N, C-alpha and C. Protein backbone atom coordinates (compact mmCIF):
# COMPACT_ATOMS: atom_id res chain seq x y z
N MET A 1 6.82 16.64 -3.21
CA MET A 1 8.05 16.83 -2.50
C MET A 1 8.98 15.61 -2.59
N GLN A 2 8.40 14.41 -2.42
CA GLN A 2 9.19 13.22 -2.49
C GLN A 2 9.78 13.05 -3.90
N LYS A 3 9.04 13.49 -4.88
CA LYS A 3 9.58 13.41 -6.28
C LYS A 3 10.84 14.28 -6.43
N LEU A 4 10.81 15.46 -5.79
CA LEU A 4 11.99 16.34 -5.86
C LEU A 4 13.15 15.69 -5.13
N ARG A 5 12.88 15.02 -4.00
CA ARG A 5 13.95 14.34 -3.28
C ARG A 5 14.51 13.23 -4.16
N GLU A 6 13.66 12.51 -4.85
CA GLU A 6 14.11 11.44 -5.70
C GLU A 6 15.02 11.97 -6.83
N TRP A 7 14.59 13.06 -7.43
CA TRP A 7 15.40 13.65 -8.51
C TRP A 7 16.78 14.10 -7.98
N GLY A 8 16.76 14.70 -6.78
CA GLY A 8 18.06 15.12 -6.18
C GLY A 8 18.96 13.91 -5.90
N TYR A 9 18.37 12.86 -5.41
CA TYR A 9 19.10 11.65 -5.12
C TYR A 9 19.72 11.05 -6.37
N LYS A 10 18.90 10.98 -7.45
CA LYS A 10 19.40 10.43 -8.71
C LYS A 10 20.48 11.32 -9.34
N LEU A 11 20.34 12.65 -9.15
CA LEU A 11 21.28 13.58 -9.71
C LEU A 11 22.66 13.34 -9.09
N PHE A 12 22.70 13.21 -7.75
CA PHE A 12 23.96 12.97 -7.11
C PHE A 12 24.57 11.61 -7.52
N ASN A 13 23.75 10.60 -7.67
CA ASN A 13 24.23 9.32 -8.13
C ASN A 13 24.81 9.40 -9.55
N LEU A 14 24.18 10.21 -10.38
CA LEU A 14 24.68 10.41 -11.73
C LEU A 14 26.05 11.11 -11.69
N VAL A 15 26.18 12.15 -10.89
CA VAL A 15 27.45 12.84 -10.76
C VAL A 15 28.54 11.95 -10.27
N ALA A 16 28.20 11.04 -9.32
CA ALA A 16 29.17 10.11 -8.76
C ALA A 16 29.72 9.18 -9.81
N ARG A 17 28.97 8.92 -10.87
CA ARG A 17 29.41 8.00 -11.94
C ARG A 17 30.24 8.68 -13.02
N LEU A 18 30.25 10.02 -13.00
CA LEU A 18 30.99 10.76 -14.03
C LEU A 18 32.48 10.73 -13.71
N PRO A 19 33.32 10.91 -14.70
CA PRO A 19 34.75 11.02 -14.44
C PRO A 19 35.05 12.16 -13.44
N GLY A 20 35.72 11.83 -12.35
CA GLY A 20 36.03 12.85 -11.37
C GLY A 20 34.87 13.14 -10.42
N GLY A 21 33.72 12.48 -10.64
CA GLY A 21 32.58 12.77 -9.82
C GLY A 21 32.73 12.39 -8.38
N ALA A 22 33.32 11.22 -8.14
CA ALA A 22 33.53 10.82 -6.74
C ALA A 22 34.42 11.77 -5.99
N ARG A 23 35.47 12.24 -6.67
CA ARG A 23 36.35 13.21 -6.02
C ARG A 23 35.63 14.53 -5.75
N LEU A 24 34.79 14.96 -6.70
CA LEU A 24 34.02 16.17 -6.52
C LEU A 24 33.11 16.05 -5.32
N LEU A 25 32.42 14.91 -5.20
CA LEU A 25 31.47 14.69 -4.13
C LEU A 25 32.20 14.46 -2.78
N GLY A 26 33.51 14.27 -2.85
CA GLY A 26 34.25 14.16 -1.60
C GLY A 26 34.50 15.49 -0.94
N TRP A 27 34.23 16.58 -1.69
CA TRP A 27 34.32 17.93 -1.13
C TRP A 27 33.28 18.06 -0.04
N THR A 28 33.73 18.48 1.16
CA THR A 28 32.85 18.42 2.34
C THR A 28 31.47 19.04 2.15
N PRO A 29 31.35 20.30 1.60
CA PRO A 29 30.02 20.85 1.46
C PRO A 29 29.10 20.02 0.56
N LEU A 30 29.62 19.49 -0.56
CA LEU A 30 28.80 18.66 -1.43
C LEU A 30 28.51 17.33 -0.80
N ARG A 31 29.45 16.75 -0.04
CA ARG A 31 29.20 15.48 0.64
C ARG A 31 28.08 15.64 1.67
N THR A 32 28.14 16.74 2.38
CA THR A 32 27.12 17.01 3.38
C THR A 32 25.75 17.19 2.75
N LEU A 33 25.71 17.92 1.63
CA LEU A 33 24.44 18.10 0.94
C LEU A 33 23.90 16.80 0.38
N ARG A 34 24.81 16.02 -0.19
CA ARG A 34 24.42 14.70 -0.72
C ARG A 34 23.80 13.82 0.39
N ASN A 35 24.45 13.79 1.53
CA ASN A 35 23.93 12.98 2.62
C ASN A 35 22.55 13.45 3.10
N ARG A 36 22.35 14.76 3.11
CA ARG A 36 21.07 15.31 3.51
C ARG A 36 19.98 14.92 2.49
N VAL A 37 20.31 15.00 1.21
CA VAL A 37 19.34 14.66 0.17
C VAL A 37 19.01 13.17 0.28
N TYR A 38 20.03 12.37 0.49
CA TYR A 38 19.83 10.89 0.59
C TYR A 38 18.90 10.56 1.74
N LEU A 39 19.20 11.16 2.91
CA LEU A 39 18.39 10.85 4.11
C LEU A 39 16.99 11.34 3.94
N SER A 40 16.83 12.52 3.34
CA SER A 40 15.46 13.04 3.11
C SER A 40 14.72 12.15 2.15
N TYR A 41 15.36 11.67 1.13
CA TYR A 41 14.72 10.79 0.14
C TYR A 41 14.31 9.49 0.78
N VAL A 42 15.24 8.83 1.51
CA VAL A 42 14.89 7.55 2.10
C VAL A 42 13.79 7.67 3.12
N ARG A 43 13.91 8.68 4.00
CA ARG A 43 12.90 8.84 5.02
C ARG A 43 11.55 9.20 4.48
N GLY A 44 11.52 9.69 3.25
CA GLY A 44 10.24 10.01 2.60
C GLY A 44 9.65 8.86 1.85
N MET A 45 10.38 7.71 1.79
CA MET A 45 9.84 6.54 1.09
C MET A 45 8.67 5.99 1.85
N PRO A 46 7.62 5.47 1.20
CA PRO A 46 6.43 5.03 1.90
C PRO A 46 6.63 4.06 3.03
N ASP A 47 7.56 3.11 2.87
CA ASP A 47 7.79 2.14 3.95
C ASP A 47 8.44 2.80 5.16
N ARG A 48 9.32 3.74 4.94
CA ARG A 48 9.95 4.42 6.08
C ARG A 48 8.95 5.36 6.78
N VAL A 49 8.06 5.97 5.99
CA VAL A 49 7.03 6.80 6.59
C VAL A 49 6.11 5.96 7.49
N TYR A 50 5.71 4.77 7.00
CA TYR A 50 4.88 3.89 7.81
C TYR A 50 5.61 3.43 9.07
N MET A 51 6.87 3.11 8.91
CA MET A 51 7.64 2.74 10.10
C MET A 51 7.73 3.87 11.12
N ASN A 52 8.07 5.09 10.63
CA ASN A 52 8.31 6.17 11.55
C ASN A 52 7.07 6.82 12.08
N GLU A 53 5.97 6.74 11.31
CA GLU A 53 4.74 7.47 11.73
C GLU A 53 3.64 6.55 12.25
N THR A 54 3.79 5.23 12.08
CA THR A 54 2.78 4.32 12.56
C THR A 54 3.35 3.26 13.50
N ILE A 55 4.35 2.51 13.03
CA ILE A 55 4.87 1.41 13.87
C ILE A 55 5.59 1.91 15.11
N ILE A 56 6.54 2.80 14.94
CA ILE A 56 7.30 3.24 16.11
C ILE A 56 6.40 4.00 17.10
N PRO A 57 5.50 4.90 16.67
CA PRO A 57 4.62 5.52 17.62
C PRO A 57 3.76 4.50 18.39
N ALA A 58 3.28 3.48 17.69
CA ALA A 58 2.50 2.39 18.39
C ALA A 58 3.33 1.73 19.46
N LEU A 59 4.59 1.49 19.15
CA LEU A 59 5.49 0.85 20.17
C LEU A 59 5.73 1.80 21.30
N LEU A 60 5.87 3.07 20.99
CA LEU A 60 6.13 4.06 22.08
C LEU A 60 4.96 4.15 23.05
N GLU A 61 3.76 3.91 22.57
CA GLU A 61 2.56 3.99 23.41
C GLU A 61 2.14 2.63 23.97
N SER A 62 2.92 1.63 23.74
CA SER A 62 2.56 0.23 24.07
C SER A 62 2.72 -0.10 25.53
N GLY A 63 3.56 0.61 26.26
CA GLY A 63 3.87 0.21 27.61
C GLY A 63 5.02 -0.76 27.67
N PHE A 64 5.63 -1.07 26.52
CA PHE A 64 6.80 -1.95 26.47
C PHE A 64 7.97 -1.32 27.23
N SER A 65 8.84 -2.18 27.73
CA SER A 65 10.03 -1.64 28.43
C SER A 65 11.33 -1.94 27.73
N ARG A 66 11.34 -2.90 26.76
CA ARG A 66 12.61 -3.22 26.11
C ARG A 66 12.35 -3.69 24.69
N VAL A 67 13.09 -3.10 23.71
CA VAL A 67 12.93 -3.50 22.32
C VAL A 67 14.28 -3.75 21.72
N LEU A 68 14.31 -4.56 20.67
CA LEU A 68 15.52 -4.84 19.91
C LEU A 68 15.27 -4.50 18.45
N SER A 69 16.16 -3.70 17.92
CA SER A 69 16.07 -3.31 16.49
C SER A 69 17.23 -3.95 15.73
N VAL A 70 16.89 -4.82 14.77
CA VAL A 70 17.91 -5.55 14.02
C VAL A 70 18.07 -4.96 12.67
N GLY A 71 19.28 -4.54 12.35
CA GLY A 71 19.56 -3.90 11.08
C GLY A 71 19.69 -2.37 11.26
N CYS A 72 20.86 -1.82 11.01
CA CYS A 72 21.08 -0.42 11.21
C CYS A 72 21.57 0.23 9.94
N ALA A 73 21.23 1.51 9.78
CA ALA A 73 21.69 2.30 8.66
C ALA A 73 21.60 3.77 9.07
N GLU A 74 22.13 4.61 8.27
CA GLU A 74 22.15 6.05 8.60
C GLU A 74 20.69 6.54 8.83
N TYR A 75 19.76 6.05 8.01
CA TYR A 75 18.40 6.55 8.10
C TYR A 75 17.63 5.98 9.30
N THR A 76 18.24 5.05 10.08
CA THR A 76 17.60 4.53 11.26
C THR A 76 18.24 5.10 12.54
N GLN A 77 19.16 5.97 12.39
CA GLN A 77 19.97 6.43 13.56
C GLN A 77 19.14 7.04 14.68
N GLU A 78 17.99 7.58 14.33
CA GLU A 78 17.20 8.26 15.37
C GLU A 78 16.30 7.29 16.14
N VAL A 79 16.21 6.02 15.70
CA VAL A 79 15.31 5.07 16.31
C VAL A 79 15.61 4.83 17.79
N PRO A 80 16.88 4.51 18.18
CA PRO A 80 17.17 4.29 19.58
C PRO A 80 16.78 5.48 20.49
N GLY A 81 17.09 6.66 20.01
CA GLY A 81 16.78 7.84 20.82
C GLY A 81 15.31 8.06 21.03
N ARG A 82 14.49 7.72 20.03
CA ARG A 82 13.03 7.85 20.19
C ARG A 82 12.53 6.94 21.30
N PHE A 83 13.04 5.72 21.34
CA PHE A 83 12.61 4.81 22.39
C PHE A 83 13.13 5.25 23.77
N GLU A 84 14.43 5.59 23.80
CA GLU A 84 15.03 5.96 25.10
C GLU A 84 14.34 7.21 25.68
N ALA A 85 13.91 8.13 24.81
CA ALA A 85 13.26 9.34 25.27
C ALA A 85 11.93 9.03 26.01
N ARG A 86 11.38 7.86 25.73
CA ARG A 86 10.16 7.46 26.36
C ARG A 86 10.37 6.39 27.45
N GLY A 87 11.62 6.23 27.81
CA GLY A 87 11.95 5.30 28.89
C GLY A 87 11.95 3.84 28.49
N ILE A 88 12.03 3.55 27.19
CA ILE A 88 12.04 2.21 26.69
C ILE A 88 13.49 1.87 26.36
N GLU A 89 14.04 0.83 26.96
CA GLU A 89 15.42 0.43 26.71
C GLU A 89 15.51 -0.17 25.29
N CYS A 90 16.42 0.33 24.53
CA CYS A 90 16.55 -0.12 23.11
C CYS A 90 17.94 -0.70 22.89
N TRP A 91 17.95 -1.91 22.29
CA TRP A 91 19.18 -2.53 21.85
C TRP A 91 19.11 -2.53 20.30
N THR A 92 20.31 -2.41 19.70
CA THR A 92 20.43 -2.50 18.23
C THR A 92 21.45 -3.54 17.88
N ALA A 93 21.37 -4.04 16.65
CA ALA A 93 22.31 -5.07 16.17
C ALA A 93 22.44 -4.99 14.65
N ASP A 94 23.60 -5.26 14.18
CA ASP A 94 23.86 -5.34 12.73
C ASP A 94 25.09 -6.21 12.54
N ILE A 95 25.09 -6.95 11.48
CA ILE A 95 26.22 -7.85 11.20
C ILE A 95 27.47 -7.06 10.78
N SER A 96 27.30 -5.86 10.26
CA SER A 96 28.39 -5.09 9.72
C SER A 96 28.98 -4.11 10.78
N PRO A 97 30.27 -4.21 11.06
CA PRO A 97 30.86 -3.26 12.02
C PRO A 97 30.74 -1.79 11.57
N GLU A 98 30.67 -1.62 10.24
CA GLU A 98 30.57 -0.23 9.71
C GLU A 98 29.23 0.45 10.07
N GLU A 99 28.21 -0.36 10.34
CA GLU A 99 26.88 0.21 10.65
C GLU A 99 26.73 0.47 12.15
N ALA A 100 27.70 0.09 12.93
CA ALA A 100 27.60 0.27 14.38
C ALA A 100 27.40 1.76 14.76
N GLN A 101 27.96 2.64 13.98
CA GLN A 101 27.86 4.05 14.25
C GLN A 101 26.42 4.56 14.26
N TRP A 102 25.54 3.80 13.63
CA TRP A 102 24.13 4.20 13.56
C TRP A 102 23.25 3.51 14.57
N GLY A 103 23.86 2.63 15.35
CA GLY A 103 23.13 1.92 16.37
C GLY A 103 23.18 2.66 17.73
N HIS A 104 22.69 2.00 18.75
CA HIS A 104 22.74 2.58 20.10
C HIS A 104 24.21 2.73 20.53
N PRO A 105 24.58 3.87 21.10
CA PRO A 105 25.98 4.10 21.46
C PRO A 105 26.54 3.16 22.50
N GLU A 106 25.67 2.57 23.31
CA GLU A 106 26.14 1.67 24.38
C GLU A 106 25.55 0.24 24.25
N ARG A 107 24.36 0.10 23.74
CA ARG A 107 23.71 -1.19 23.68
C ARG A 107 23.58 -1.62 22.20
N HIS A 108 24.69 -1.91 21.61
CA HIS A 108 24.74 -2.36 20.21
C HIS A 108 25.60 -3.60 20.08
N LEU A 109 25.12 -4.54 19.27
CA LEU A 109 25.85 -5.78 19.05
C LEU A 109 26.23 -5.89 17.54
N VAL A 110 27.50 -6.19 17.28
CA VAL A 110 27.93 -6.52 15.92
C VAL A 110 27.81 -8.03 15.82
N CYS A 111 26.72 -8.47 15.18
CA CYS A 111 26.39 -9.87 15.22
C CYS A 111 25.37 -10.19 14.12
N ASP A 112 25.43 -11.43 13.58
CA ASP A 112 24.37 -11.82 12.65
C ASP A 112 23.12 -12.11 13.45
N ALA A 113 22.00 -12.03 12.80
CA ALA A 113 20.69 -12.16 13.48
C ALA A 113 20.56 -13.51 14.18
N ALA A 114 21.14 -14.55 13.57
CA ALA A 114 21.00 -15.89 14.15
C ALA A 114 21.75 -16.02 15.45
N GLY A 115 22.75 -15.20 15.70
CA GLY A 115 23.53 -15.30 16.92
C GLY A 115 23.11 -14.44 18.07
N LEU A 116 22.09 -13.66 17.89
CA LEU A 116 21.70 -12.72 18.94
C LEU A 116 21.24 -13.41 20.21
N ALA A 117 20.56 -14.54 20.04
CA ALA A 117 20.02 -15.26 21.22
C ALA A 117 21.12 -15.76 22.12
N GLU A 118 22.33 -15.92 21.57
CA GLU A 118 23.47 -16.38 22.36
C GLU A 118 24.11 -15.25 23.18
N GLN A 119 23.78 -13.99 22.83
CA GLN A 119 24.42 -12.88 23.49
C GLN A 119 23.47 -12.00 24.35
N LEU A 120 22.19 -12.31 24.26
CA LEU A 120 21.19 -11.54 25.00
C LEU A 120 20.35 -12.47 25.87
N PRO A 121 19.78 -11.96 27.00
CA PRO A 121 18.98 -12.79 27.88
C PRO A 121 17.72 -13.27 27.22
N ALA A 122 17.32 -14.49 27.56
CA ALA A 122 16.07 -15.07 27.01
C ALA A 122 14.84 -14.40 27.61
N SER A 123 13.79 -14.36 26.81
CA SER A 123 12.51 -13.81 27.24
C SER A 123 12.63 -12.41 27.82
N ASP A 124 13.49 -11.58 27.26
CA ASP A 124 13.83 -10.30 27.82
C ASP A 124 13.27 -9.14 27.05
N PHE A 125 12.75 -9.39 25.84
CA PHE A 125 12.30 -8.29 24.97
C PHE A 125 10.81 -8.34 24.72
N ASP A 126 10.23 -7.13 24.71
CA ASP A 126 8.81 -7.01 24.40
C ASP A 126 8.56 -7.02 22.93
N ALA A 127 9.52 -6.51 22.16
CA ALA A 127 9.32 -6.39 20.71
C ALA A 127 10.67 -6.47 20.02
N ILE A 128 10.64 -6.98 18.78
CA ILE A 128 11.80 -7.02 17.89
C ILE A 128 11.43 -6.41 16.57
N LEU A 129 12.21 -5.42 16.11
CA LEU A 129 12.03 -4.85 14.78
C LEU A 129 13.03 -5.56 13.84
N PHE A 130 12.51 -6.14 12.77
CA PHE A 130 13.33 -6.90 11.83
C PHE A 130 12.90 -6.53 10.43
N SER A 131 13.29 -5.33 10.02
CA SER A 131 12.85 -4.79 8.73
C SER A 131 14.04 -4.42 7.89
N GLY A 132 13.93 -4.68 6.54
CA GLY A 132 15.02 -4.31 5.64
C GLY A 132 16.15 -5.25 5.71
N VAL A 133 16.01 -6.45 6.30
CA VAL A 133 17.10 -7.40 6.42
C VAL A 133 16.83 -8.62 5.51
N MET A 134 15.60 -9.11 5.53
CA MET A 134 15.25 -10.25 4.67
C MET A 134 15.45 -9.85 3.20
N GLY A 135 16.13 -10.62 2.44
CA GLY A 135 16.37 -10.32 1.05
C GLY A 135 17.62 -9.51 0.84
N TYR A 136 18.24 -9.05 1.90
CA TYR A 136 19.49 -8.34 1.84
C TYR A 136 20.58 -9.07 2.67
N GLY A 137 20.86 -10.27 2.17
CA GLY A 137 21.83 -11.12 2.86
C GLY A 137 21.19 -12.22 3.70
N VAL A 138 19.94 -12.00 4.05
CA VAL A 138 19.21 -13.03 4.79
C VAL A 138 18.15 -13.61 3.90
N ASN A 139 18.27 -14.86 3.55
CA ASN A 139 17.33 -15.55 2.64
C ASN A 139 16.58 -16.64 3.42
N ALA A 140 15.70 -17.36 2.71
CA ALA A 140 14.85 -18.36 3.35
C ALA A 140 15.68 -19.40 4.12
N GLU A 141 16.80 -19.81 3.58
CA GLU A 141 17.55 -20.85 4.27
C GLU A 141 18.21 -20.37 5.56
N HIS A 142 18.33 -19.07 5.71
CA HIS A 142 18.90 -18.48 6.95
C HIS A 142 17.86 -18.28 8.05
N MET A 143 16.60 -18.39 7.71
CA MET A 143 15.57 -18.00 8.62
C MET A 143 15.33 -18.92 9.83
N PRO A 144 15.46 -20.26 9.71
CA PRO A 144 15.16 -21.12 10.85
C PRO A 144 15.92 -20.76 12.15
N PRO A 145 17.21 -20.60 12.13
CA PRO A 145 17.89 -20.26 13.39
C PRO A 145 17.58 -18.85 13.85
N ILE A 146 17.28 -17.93 12.94
CA ILE A 146 16.91 -16.59 13.30
C ILE A 146 15.57 -16.58 14.03
N MET A 147 14.58 -17.28 13.50
CA MET A 147 13.28 -17.30 14.11
C MET A 147 13.34 -18.04 15.46
N GLU A 148 14.11 -19.08 15.54
CA GLU A 148 14.28 -19.77 16.84
C GLU A 148 14.89 -18.83 17.87
N GLY A 149 15.87 -18.09 17.42
CA GLY A 149 16.49 -17.14 18.36
C GLY A 149 15.55 -16.04 18.79
N PHE A 150 14.81 -15.47 17.85
CA PHE A 150 13.83 -14.41 18.18
C PHE A 150 12.78 -14.96 19.17
N HIS A 151 12.40 -16.19 18.96
CA HIS A 151 11.40 -16.82 19.87
C HIS A 151 11.94 -16.92 21.27
N ARG A 152 13.23 -17.20 21.39
CA ARG A 152 13.89 -17.29 22.70
C ARG A 152 14.01 -15.91 23.33
N LEU A 153 14.29 -14.88 22.54
CA LEU A 153 14.53 -13.53 23.09
C LEU A 153 13.22 -12.86 23.50
N LEU A 154 12.12 -13.13 22.84
CA LEU A 154 10.88 -12.42 23.14
C LEU A 154 10.22 -13.06 24.40
N ARG A 155 9.58 -12.19 25.14
CA ARG A 155 8.75 -12.70 26.25
C ARG A 155 7.53 -13.37 25.65
N PRO A 156 6.80 -14.20 26.41
CA PRO A 156 5.53 -14.81 25.89
C PRO A 156 4.56 -13.71 25.40
N GLY A 157 4.12 -13.89 24.21
CA GLY A 157 3.21 -12.89 23.63
C GLY A 157 3.91 -11.71 23.01
N GLY A 158 5.27 -11.72 23.02
CA GLY A 158 6.06 -10.60 22.51
C GLY A 158 5.82 -10.42 21.01
N LEU A 159 6.14 -9.23 20.51
CA LEU A 159 5.83 -8.82 19.16
C LEU A 159 7.04 -8.82 18.26
N LEU A 160 6.90 -9.44 17.12
CA LEU A 160 7.92 -9.40 16.09
C LEU A 160 7.37 -8.61 14.89
N VAL A 161 8.05 -7.55 14.53
CA VAL A 161 7.67 -6.72 13.37
C VAL A 161 8.63 -7.10 12.25
N ALA A 162 8.12 -7.74 11.21
CA ALA A 162 8.95 -8.18 10.11
C ALA A 162 8.63 -7.37 8.83
N GLY A 163 9.60 -6.71 8.33
CA GLY A 163 9.42 -5.94 7.06
C GLY A 163 10.21 -6.57 5.96
N TRP A 164 9.61 -6.71 4.80
CA TRP A 164 10.28 -7.37 3.65
C TRP A 164 9.74 -6.80 2.37
N ASN A 165 10.47 -7.07 1.28
CA ASN A 165 10.07 -6.59 -0.05
C ASN A 165 9.68 -7.70 -0.95
N VAL A 166 8.51 -7.56 -1.62
CA VAL A 166 8.06 -8.52 -2.62
C VAL A 166 9.07 -8.54 -3.73
N GLY A 167 9.48 -9.72 -4.15
CA GLY A 167 10.46 -9.86 -5.21
C GLY A 167 11.88 -9.98 -4.72
N LEU A 168 12.13 -9.63 -3.44
CA LEU A 168 13.45 -9.78 -2.89
C LEU A 168 13.52 -10.85 -1.81
N ALA A 169 12.47 -11.00 -1.08
CA ALA A 169 12.42 -11.95 0.05
C ALA A 169 11.22 -12.88 -0.08
N VAL A 170 11.34 -13.98 0.52
CA VAL A 170 10.24 -14.97 0.57
C VAL A 170 9.19 -14.52 1.56
N ASP A 171 7.93 -14.63 1.21
CA ASP A 171 6.84 -14.29 2.13
C ASP A 171 7.02 -15.09 3.42
N PRO A 172 7.20 -14.42 4.56
CA PRO A 172 7.41 -15.16 5.80
C PRO A 172 6.23 -16.10 6.20
N LEU A 173 5.07 -15.82 5.71
CA LEU A 173 3.91 -16.67 6.02
C LEU A 173 4.02 -18.05 5.35
N THR A 174 4.95 -18.21 4.41
CA THR A 174 5.15 -19.48 3.75
C THR A 174 6.23 -20.26 4.43
N LEU A 175 6.84 -19.74 5.44
CA LEU A 175 7.95 -20.42 6.15
C LEU A 175 7.49 -21.07 7.41
N GLU A 176 7.68 -22.35 7.52
CA GLU A 176 7.22 -23.05 8.74
C GLU A 176 7.96 -22.60 9.97
N CYS A 177 9.22 -22.17 9.79
CA CYS A 177 10.03 -21.70 10.93
C CYS A 177 9.44 -20.44 11.51
N VAL A 178 8.69 -19.66 10.72
CA VAL A 178 8.05 -18.47 11.20
C VAL A 178 6.69 -18.78 11.84
N THR A 179 5.85 -19.51 11.08
CA THR A 179 4.51 -19.79 11.61
C THR A 179 4.52 -20.76 12.75
N GLY A 180 5.56 -21.57 12.86
CA GLY A 180 5.63 -22.48 13.97
C GLY A 180 5.97 -21.81 15.27
N HIS A 181 6.72 -20.72 15.20
CA HIS A 181 7.09 -19.99 16.41
C HIS A 181 6.22 -18.78 16.73
N PHE A 182 5.51 -18.32 15.69
CA PHE A 182 4.79 -17.04 15.85
C PHE A 182 3.37 -17.13 15.23
N GLU A 183 2.47 -16.41 15.82
CA GLU A 183 1.11 -16.28 15.31
C GLU A 183 0.99 -14.95 14.54
N HIS A 184 0.56 -15.00 13.29
CA HIS A 184 0.35 -13.82 12.52
C HIS A 184 -0.95 -13.15 12.99
N ALA A 185 -0.83 -11.95 13.54
CA ALA A 185 -2.00 -11.36 14.20
C ALA A 185 -1.85 -9.84 14.29
N PRO A 186 -2.97 -9.14 14.32
CA PRO A 186 -2.92 -7.69 14.52
C PRO A 186 -2.43 -7.41 15.96
N ALA A 187 -1.85 -6.21 16.12
CA ALA A 187 -1.34 -5.83 17.43
C ALA A 187 -1.22 -4.32 17.50
N LEU A 188 -1.52 -3.75 18.67
CA LEU A 188 -1.33 -2.33 18.94
C LEU A 188 -2.11 -1.52 17.91
N SER A 189 -3.31 -1.94 17.58
CA SER A 189 -4.17 -1.24 16.61
C SER A 189 -3.61 -1.21 15.21
N MET A 190 -2.64 -2.10 14.89
CA MET A 190 -2.08 -2.21 13.56
C MET A 190 -2.52 -3.55 12.97
N PRO A 191 -2.68 -3.57 11.64
CA PRO A 191 -3.12 -4.85 11.01
C PRO A 191 -1.97 -5.86 11.02
N ALA A 192 -2.38 -7.13 10.93
CA ALA A 192 -1.39 -8.20 10.89
C ALA A 192 -0.46 -8.05 9.68
N ARG A 193 -1.05 -7.61 8.58
CA ARG A 193 -0.23 -7.37 7.38
C ARG A 193 -0.54 -6.02 6.79
N LYS A 194 0.49 -5.26 6.47
CA LYS A 194 0.34 -3.97 5.82
C LYS A 194 1.15 -3.96 4.56
N GLU A 195 0.45 -3.92 3.42
CA GLU A 195 1.12 -3.80 2.13
C GLU A 195 1.20 -2.30 1.83
N VAL A 196 2.40 -1.79 1.88
CA VAL A 196 2.59 -0.34 1.76
C VAL A 196 2.31 0.13 0.36
N GLU A 197 1.46 1.14 0.27
CA GLU A 197 1.06 1.70 -1.04
C GLU A 197 2.29 2.30 -1.72
N SER A 198 2.32 2.18 -3.06
CA SER A 198 3.42 2.74 -3.87
C SER A 198 4.77 2.19 -3.45
N SER A 199 4.78 0.95 -3.03
CA SER A 199 5.99 0.33 -2.55
C SER A 199 5.89 -1.18 -2.69
N THR A 200 7.01 -1.89 -2.75
CA THR A 200 6.99 -3.35 -2.73
C THR A 200 7.10 -3.86 -1.28
N HIS A 201 7.17 -2.92 -0.32
CA HIS A 201 7.42 -3.29 1.05
C HIS A 201 6.13 -3.78 1.76
N VAL A 202 6.31 -4.80 2.57
CA VAL A 202 5.22 -5.39 3.35
C VAL A 202 5.67 -5.48 4.81
N PHE A 203 4.79 -5.12 5.71
CA PHE A 203 5.08 -5.29 7.13
C PHE A 203 4.12 -6.36 7.69
N ASP A 204 4.69 -7.34 8.35
CA ASP A 204 3.87 -8.38 9.03
C ASP A 204 4.13 -8.34 10.54
N LEU A 205 3.05 -8.54 11.28
CA LEU A 205 3.15 -8.57 12.74
C LEU A 205 2.95 -10.03 13.23
N PHE A 206 3.82 -10.45 14.12
CA PHE A 206 3.75 -11.77 14.66
C PHE A 206 3.86 -11.76 16.21
N LEU A 207 3.02 -12.55 16.87
CA LEU A 207 3.08 -12.67 18.29
C LEU A 207 3.71 -14.01 18.66
N ARG A 208 4.60 -14.00 19.60
CA ARG A 208 5.34 -15.19 20.03
C ARG A 208 4.37 -16.24 20.55
N ARG A 209 4.48 -17.48 20.03
CA ARG A 209 3.71 -18.58 20.55
C ARG A 209 4.38 -19.10 21.83
N ASP A 210 3.57 -19.69 22.70
CA ASP A 210 4.14 -20.34 23.91
C ASP A 210 4.86 -21.58 23.50
N GLY A 211 5.84 -22.01 24.30
CA GLY A 211 6.51 -23.25 24.08
C GLY A 211 7.71 -23.10 23.16
């Protein structure tokens, strides 16, 4: 099924590159179909399946009361609602104003990751989701202030879920700014590191160190 989704996704991309293709895909019925195919394809990718079927359910059953999800896109739009439905307060953030439409309707910040600690209360979050950001505008040199800010935002022992792609981002375990603030450890019955099969995506779990 995922292969069919991939073919559909590639077909629409091919049409978009043809003369007049962009205008054709601007026709509402085709635009709607294209968006559905895209969302179905992305949500069927192994890393998104692991996020949606393993990580988020674990957080929902954790007893946490407040989470922060950094990085928004159309395929993440259901994340705030899943938390809120279980009584977990969810905040979202993205540096791009255009992505605000996919974040929480009331608790969303248009801000770079390094500046979040200046806008949110310290030690106020049980968990932070930080996936699909490293390697997409956030590189190794940007990480020190981000990790310092996340350390300030998380309560003692709070959980940082970091998702990244081999070949696009630096392994966070090689960064002192990460290991100095956080302990790489299993949590909520999930392994400290999950290398997603049939994908370059890796999920690492980190617990906030004291101090």
